[in-house]
């Protein structure tokens, strides 16, 4: 089963409003589930450095 990582950097406006960021994340996950049914989210972490988030995904 292929394993992938996804690093994400959000726009500063999205980082200021936590409720909006949470909603954006929820919408994104729903789009992935709808368009990529074979992708499974293994883990998702907030990180320090150039990127804001690290995602671990698997595909069938």
PDB file of N, CA and C in Angstrom:
ATOM      1  N   UNK A   1       0.832  -1.163   0.000  1.00  0.00           N
ATOM      2  CA  UNK A   1       0.000   0.000   0.000  1.00  0.00           C
ATOM      3  C   UNK A   1       0.891   1.246   0.000  1.00  0.00           C
ATOM      4  N   UNK A   2       0.807   2.098  -1.017  1.00  0.00           N
ATOM      5  CA  UNK A   2       1.638   3.316  -1.063  1.00  0.00           C
ATOM      6  C   UNK A   2       1.347   4.258   0.106  1.00  0.00           C
ATOM      7  N   UNK A   3       2.395   4.837   0.633  1.00  0.00           N
ATOM      8  CA  UNK A   3       2.288   5.808   1.726  1.00  0.00           C
ATOM      9  C   UNK A   3       2.788   7.156   1.241  1.00  0.00           C
ATOM     10  N   UNK A   4       2.089   8.201   1.607  1.00  0.00           N
ATOM     11  CA  UNK A   4       2.434   9.555   1.170  1.00  0.00           C
ATOM     12  C   UNK A   4       2.471  10.492   2.364  1.00  0.00           C
ATOM     13  N   UNK A   5       3.224  11.564   2.202  1.00  0.00           N
ATOM     14  CA  UNK A   5       3.166  12.656   3.169  1.00  0.00           C
ATOM     15  C   UNK A   5       2.687  13.897   2.429  1.00  0.00           C
ATOM     16  N   UNK A   6       2.015  14.748   3.157  1.00  0.00           N
ATOM     17  CA  UNK A   6       1.510  15.998   2.605  1.00  0.00           C
ATOM     18  C   UNK A   6       1.879  17.095   3.590  1.00  0.00           C
ATOM     19  N   UNK A   7       2.646  18.069   3.140  1.00  0.00           N
ATOM     20  CA  UNK A   7       2.961  19.218   3.990  1.00  0.00           C
ATOM     21  C   UNK A   7       2.160  20.400   3.480  1.00  0.00           C
ATOM     22  N   UNK A   8       1.599  21.158   4.414  1.00  0.00           N
ATOM     23  CA  UNK A   8       0.675  22.235   4.080  1.00  0.00           C
ATOM     24  C   UNK A   8       1.097  23.531   4.750  1.00  0.00           C
ATOM     25  N   UNK A   9       0.983  24.615   4.021  1.00  0.00           N
ATOM     26  CA  UNK A   9       1.210  25.946   4.579  1.00  0.00           C
ATOM     27  C   UNK A   9      -0.058  26.754   4.327  1.00  0.00           C
ATOM     28  N   UNK A  10      -0.653  27.246   5.393  1.00  0.00           N
ATOM     29  CA  UNK A  10      -1.878  28.025   5.269  1.00  0.00           C
ATOM     30  C   UNK A  10      -1.573  29.503   5.117  1.00  0.00           C
ATOM     31  N   UNK A  11      -2.499  30.205   4.506  1.00  0.00           N
ATOM     32  CA  UNK A  11      -2.384  31.661   4.387  1.00  0.00           C
ATOM     33  C   UNK A  11      -2.479  32.275   5.791  1.00  0.00           C
ATOM     34  N   UNK A  12      -1.811  33.384   6.024  1.00  0.00           N
ATOM     35  CA  UNK A  12      -1.861  34.009   7.355  1.00  0.00           C
ATOM     36  C   UNK A  12      -3.284  34.296   7.835  1.00  0.00           C
ATOM     37  N   UNK A  13      -4.189  34.643   6.929  1.00  0.00           N
ATOM     38  CA  UNK A  13      -5.571  34.933   7.319  1.00  0.00           C
ATOM     39  C   UNK A  13      -6.248  33.699   7.918  1.00  0.00           C
ATOM     40  N   UNK A  14      -5.969  32.545   7.352  1.00  0.00           N
ATOM     41  CA  UNK A  14      -6.566  31.300   7.851  1.00  0.00           C
ATOM     42  C   UNK A  14      -6.017  30.934   9.222  1.00  0.00           C
ATOM     43  N   UNK A  15      -4.779  31.282   9.501  1.00  0.00           N
ATOM     44  CA  UNK A  15      -4.173  30.948  10.782  1.00  0.00           C
ATOM     45  C   UNK A  15      -4.676  31.839  11.915  1.00  0.00           C
ATOM     46  N   UNK A  16      -5.180  33.011  11.600  1.00  0.00           N
ATOM     47  CA  UNK A  16      -5.647  33.939  12.637  1.00  0.00           C
ATOM     48  C   UNK A  16      -6.965  33.497  13.258  1.00  0.00           C
ATOM     49  N   UNK A  17      -7.808  32.846  12.472  1.00  0.00           N
ATOM     50  CA  UNK A  17      -9.139  32.463  12.942  1.00  0.00           C
ATOM     51  C   UNK A  17      -9.208  30.938  13.048  1.00  0.00           C
ATOM     52  N   UNK A  18      -9.084  30.419  14.284  1.00  0.00           N
ATOM     53  CA  UNK A  18      -9.019  28.977  14.475  1.00  0.00           C
ATOM     54  C   UNK A  18     -10.296  28.262  14.048  1.00  0.00           C
ATOM     55  N   UNK A  19     -11.448  28.870  14.284  1.00  0.00           N
ATOM     56  CA  UNK A  19     -12.698  28.222  13.877  1.00  0.00           C
ATOM     57  C   UNK A  19     -12.774  28.126  12.359  1.00  0.00           C
ATOM     58  N   UNK A  20     -12.321  29.143  11.668  1.00  0.00           N
ATOM     59  CA  UNK A  20     -12.318  29.113  10.205  1.00  0.00           C
ATOM     60  C   UNK A  20     -11.322  28.067   9.706  1.00  0.00           C
ATOM     61  N   UNK A  21     -10.168  27.972  10.336  1.00  0.00           N
ATOM     62  CA  UNK A  21      -9.165  26.983   9.945  1.00  0.00           C
ATOM     63  C   UNK A  21      -9.711  25.576  10.123  1.00  0.00           C
ATOM     64  N   UNK A  22     -10.407  25.369  11.214  1.00  0.00           N
ATOM     65  CA  UNK A  22     -11.008  24.060  11.463  1.00  0.00           C
ATOM     66  C   UNK A  22     -12.037  23.727  10.369  1.00  0.00           C
ATOM     67  N   UNK A  23     -12.844  24.697  10.006  1.00  0.00           N
ATOM     68  CA  UNK A  23     -13.846  24.471   8.958  1.00  0.00           C
ATOM     69  C   UNK A  23     -13.186  24.225   7.603  1.00  0.00           C
ATOM     70  N   UNK A  24     -12.129  24.960   7.285  1.00  0.00           N
ATOM     71  CA  UNK A  24     -11.407  24.730   6.028  1.00  0.00           C
ATOM     72  C   UNK A  24     -10.833  23.318   5.983  1.00  0.00           C
ATOM     73  N   UNK A  25     -10.286  22.867   7.101  1.00  0.00           N
ATOM     74  CA  UNK A  25      -9.742  21.513   7.176  1.00  0.00           C
ATOM     75  C   UNK A  25     -10.818  20.461   6.979  1.00  0.00           C
ATOM     76  N   UNK A  26     -11.972  20.680   7.581  1.00  0.00           N
ATOM     77  CA  UNK A  26     -13.086  19.744   7.447  1.00  0.00           C
ATOM     78  C   UNK A  26     -13.557  19.682   5.987  1.00  0.00           C
ATOM     79  N   UNK A  27     -13.682  20.839   5.349  1.00  0.00           N
ATOM     80  CA  UNK A  27     -14.102  20.887   3.946  1.00  0.00           C
ATOM     81  C   UNK A  27     -13.088  20.174   3.058  1.00  0.00           C
ATOM     82  N   UNK A  28     -11.816  20.380   3.321  1.00  0.00           N
ATOM     83  CA  UNK A  28     -10.763  19.748   2.514  1.00  0.00           C
ATOM     84  C   UNK A  28     -10.817  18.227   2.651  1.00  0.00           C
ATOM     85  N   UNK A  29     -10.964  17.735   3.904  1.00  0.00           N
ATOM     86  CA  UNK A  29     -11.040  16.286   4.113  1.00  0.00           C
ATOM     87  C   UNK A  29     -12.242  15.682   3.393  1.00  0.00           C
ATOM     88  N   UNK A  30     -13.370  16.382   3.402  1.00  0.00           N
ATOM     89  CA  UNK A  30     -14.560  15.888   2.709  1.00  0.00           C
ATOM     90  C   UNK A  30     -14.332  15.817   1.196  1.00  0.00           C
ATOM     91  N   UNK A  31     -13.654  16.816   0.636  1.00  0.00           N
ATOM     92  CA  UNK A  31     -13.343  16.797  -0.800  1.00  0.00           C
ATOM     93  C   UNK A  31     -12.431  15.639  -1.146  1.00  0.00           C
ATOM     94  N   UNK A  32     -11.446  15.362  -0.292  1.00  0.00           N
ATOM     95  CA  UNK A  32     -10.539  14.244  -0.535  1.00  0.00           C
ATOM     96  C   UNK A  32     -11.321  12.929  -0.478  1.00  0.00           C
ATOM     97  N   UNK A  33     -12.178  12.759   0.528  1.00  0.00           N
ATOM     98  CA  UNK A  33     -12.976  11.532   0.646  1.00  0.00           C
ATOM     99  C   UNK A  33     -13.867  11.333  -0.577  1.00  0.00           C
ATOM    100  N   UNK A  34     -14.443  12.418  -1.063  1.00  0.00           N
ATOM    101  CA  UNK A  34     -15.346  12.358  -2.210  1.00  0.00           C
ATOM    102  C   UNK A  34     -14.602  12.041  -3.513  1.00  0.00           C
ATOM    103  N   UNK A  35     -13.474  12.696  -3.732  1.00  0.00           N
ATOM    104  CA  UNK A  35     -12.746  12.573  -4.996  1.00  0.00           C
ATOM    105  C   UNK A  35     -11.673  11.487  -5.007  1.00  0.00           C
ATOM    106  N   UNK A  36     -11.240  11.048  -3.830  1.00  0.00           N
ATOM    107  CA  UNK A  36     -10.178  10.041  -3.730  1.00  0.00           C
ATOM    108  C   UNK A  36     -10.592   8.985  -2.702  1.00  0.00           C
ATOM    109  N   UNK A  37     -11.567   8.138  -3.047  1.00  0.00           N
ATOM    110  CA  UNK A  37     -12.093   7.199  -2.044  1.00  0.00           C
ATOM    111  C   UNK A  37     -11.076   6.187  -1.530  1.00  0.00           C
ATOM    112  N   UNK A  38      -9.985   5.966  -2.232  1.00  0.00           N
ATOM    113  CA  UNK A  38      -8.977   5.006  -1.788  1.00  0.00           C
ATOM    114  C   UNK A  38      -7.947   5.580  -0.838  1.00  0.00           C
ATOM    115  N   UNK A  39      -8.048   6.874  -0.527  1.00  0.00           N
ATOM    116  CA  UNK A  39      -7.065   7.519   0.348  1.00  0.00           C
ATOM    117  C   UNK A  39      -7.548   7.448   1.797  1.00  0.00           C
ATOM    118  N   UNK A  40      -6.646   7.026   2.682  1.00  0.00           N
ATOM    119  CA  UNK A  40      -6.953   6.943   4.105  1.00  0.00           C
ATOM    120  C   UNK A  40      -5.994   7.852   4.872  1.00  0.00           C
ATOM    121  N   UNK A  41      -6.531   8.687   5.750  1.00  0.00           N
ATOM    122  CA  UNK A  41      -5.717   9.555   6.588  1.00  0.00           C
ATOM    123  C   UNK A  41      -5.195   8.741   7.764  1.00  0.00           C
ATOM    124  N   UNK A  42      -3.887   8.673   7.908  1.00  0.00           N
ATOM    125  CA  UNK A  42      -3.269   7.938   9.006  1.00  0.00           C
ATOM    126  C   UNK A  42      -3.025   8.870  10.195  1.00  0.00           C
ATOM    127  N   UNK A  43      -2.461  10.047   9.925  1.00  0.00           N
ATOM    128  CA  UNK A  43      -2.156  11.001  10.992  1.00  0.00           C
ATOM    129  C   UNK A  43      -2.075  12.403  10.404  1.00  0.00           C
ATOM    130  N   UNK A  44      -2.250  13.383  11.277  1.00  0.00           N
ATOM    131  CA  UNK A  44      -2.169  14.788  10.869  1.00  0.00           C
ATOM    132  C   UNK A  44      -1.598  15.554  12.059  1.00  0.00           C
ATOM    133  N   UNK A  45      -0.523  16.313  11.811  1.00  0.00           N
ATOM    134  CA  UNK A  45       0.166  17.016  12.891  1.00  0.00           C
ATOM    135  C   UNK A  45       0.383  18.479  12.540  1.00  0.00           C
ATOM    136  N   UNK A  46       0.276  19.350  13.531  1.00  0.00           N
ATOM    137  CA  UNK A  46       0.711  20.733  13.399  1.00  0.00           C
ATOM    138  C   UNK A  46       2.215  20.727  13.670  1.00  0.00           C
ATOM    139  N   UNK A  47       2.982  21.417  12.833  1.00  0.00           N
ATOM    140  CA  UNK A  47       4.442  21.394  12.967  1.00  0.00           C
ATOM    141  C   UNK A  47       5.000  22.816  12.965  1.00  0.00           C
ATOM    142  N   UNK A  48       6.227  22.939  13.405  1.00  0.00           N
ATOM    143  CA  UNK A  48       6.946  24.212  13.389  1.00  0.00           C
ATOM    144  C   UNK A  48       7.883  24.225  12.185  1.00  0.00           C
ATOM    145  N   UNK A  49       8.154  25.385  11.661  1.00  0.00           N
ATOM    146  CA  UNK A  49       9.070  25.493  10.531  1.00  0.00           C
ATOM    147  C   UNK A  49       8.385  26.111   9.327  1.00  0.00           C
ATOM    148  N   UNK A  50       8.887  25.777   8.158  1.00  0.00           N
ATOM    149  CA  UNK A  50       8.387  26.385   6.923  1.00  0.00           C
ATOM    150  C   UNK A  50       6.923  26.029   6.650  1.00  0.00           C
ATOM    151  N   UNK A  51       6.512  24.828   7.025  1.00  0.00           N
ATOM    152  CA  UNK A  51       5.130  24.386   6.803  1.00  0.00           C
ATOM    153  C   UNK A  51       4.371  24.373   8.119  1.00  0.00           C
ATOM    154  N   UNK A  52       3.036  24.405   8.033  1.00  0.00           N
ATOM    155  CA  UNK A  52       2.189  24.433   9.223  1.00  0.00           C
ATOM    156  C   UNK A  52       1.681  23.057   9.638  1.00  0.00           C
ATOM    157  N   UNK A  53       1.470  22.174   8.661  1.00  0.00           N
ATOM    158  CA  UNK A  53       0.907  20.858   8.954  1.00  0.00           C
ATOM    159  C   UNK A  53       1.606  19.768   8.166  1.00  0.00           C
ATOM    160  N   UNK A  54       1.596  18.568   8.739  1.00  0.00           N
ATOM    161  CA  UNK A  54       2.167  17.373   8.133  1.00  0.00           C
ATOM    162  C   UNK A  54       1.067  16.318   8.136  1.00  0.00           C
ATOM    163  N   UNK A  55       0.766  15.767   6.969  1.00  0.00           N
ATOM    164  CA  UNK A  55      -0.242  14.726   6.870  1.00  0.00           C
ATOM    165  C   UNK A  55       0.378  13.428   6.380  1.00  0.00           C
ATOM    166  N   UNK A  56      -0.043  12.320   6.979  1.00  0.00           N
ATOM    167  CA  UNK A  56       0.407  10.986   6.589  1.00  0.00           C
ATOM    168  C   UNK A  56      -0.810  10.277   6.004  1.00  0.00           C
ATOM    169  N   UNK A  57      -0.712   9.862   4.724  1.00  0.00           N
ATOM    170  CA  UNK A  57      -1.828   9.259   4.024  1.00  0.00           C
ATOM    171  C   UNK A  57      -1.414   7.934   3.381  1.00  0.00           C
ATOM    172  N   UNK A  58      -2.401   7.060   3.193  1.00  0.00           N
ATOM    173  CA  UNK A  58      -2.180   5.808   2.462  1.00  0.00           C
ATOM    174  C   UNK A  58      -3.207   5.703   1.367  1.00  0.00           C
ATOM    175  N   UNK A  59      -2.813   5.022   0.307  1.00  0.00           N
ATOM    176  CA  UNK A  59      -3.688   4.839  -0.836  1.00  0.00           C
ATOM    177  C   UNK A  59      -3.743   3.353  -1.196  1.00  0.00           C
ATOM    178  N   UNK A  60      -4.871   2.923  -1.706  1.00  0.00           N
ATOM    179  CA  UNK A  60      -5.030   1.526  -2.110  1.00  0.00           C
ATOM    180  C   UNK A  60      -4.534   1.312  -3.507  1.00  0.00           C
TER     181      UNK A  60
END
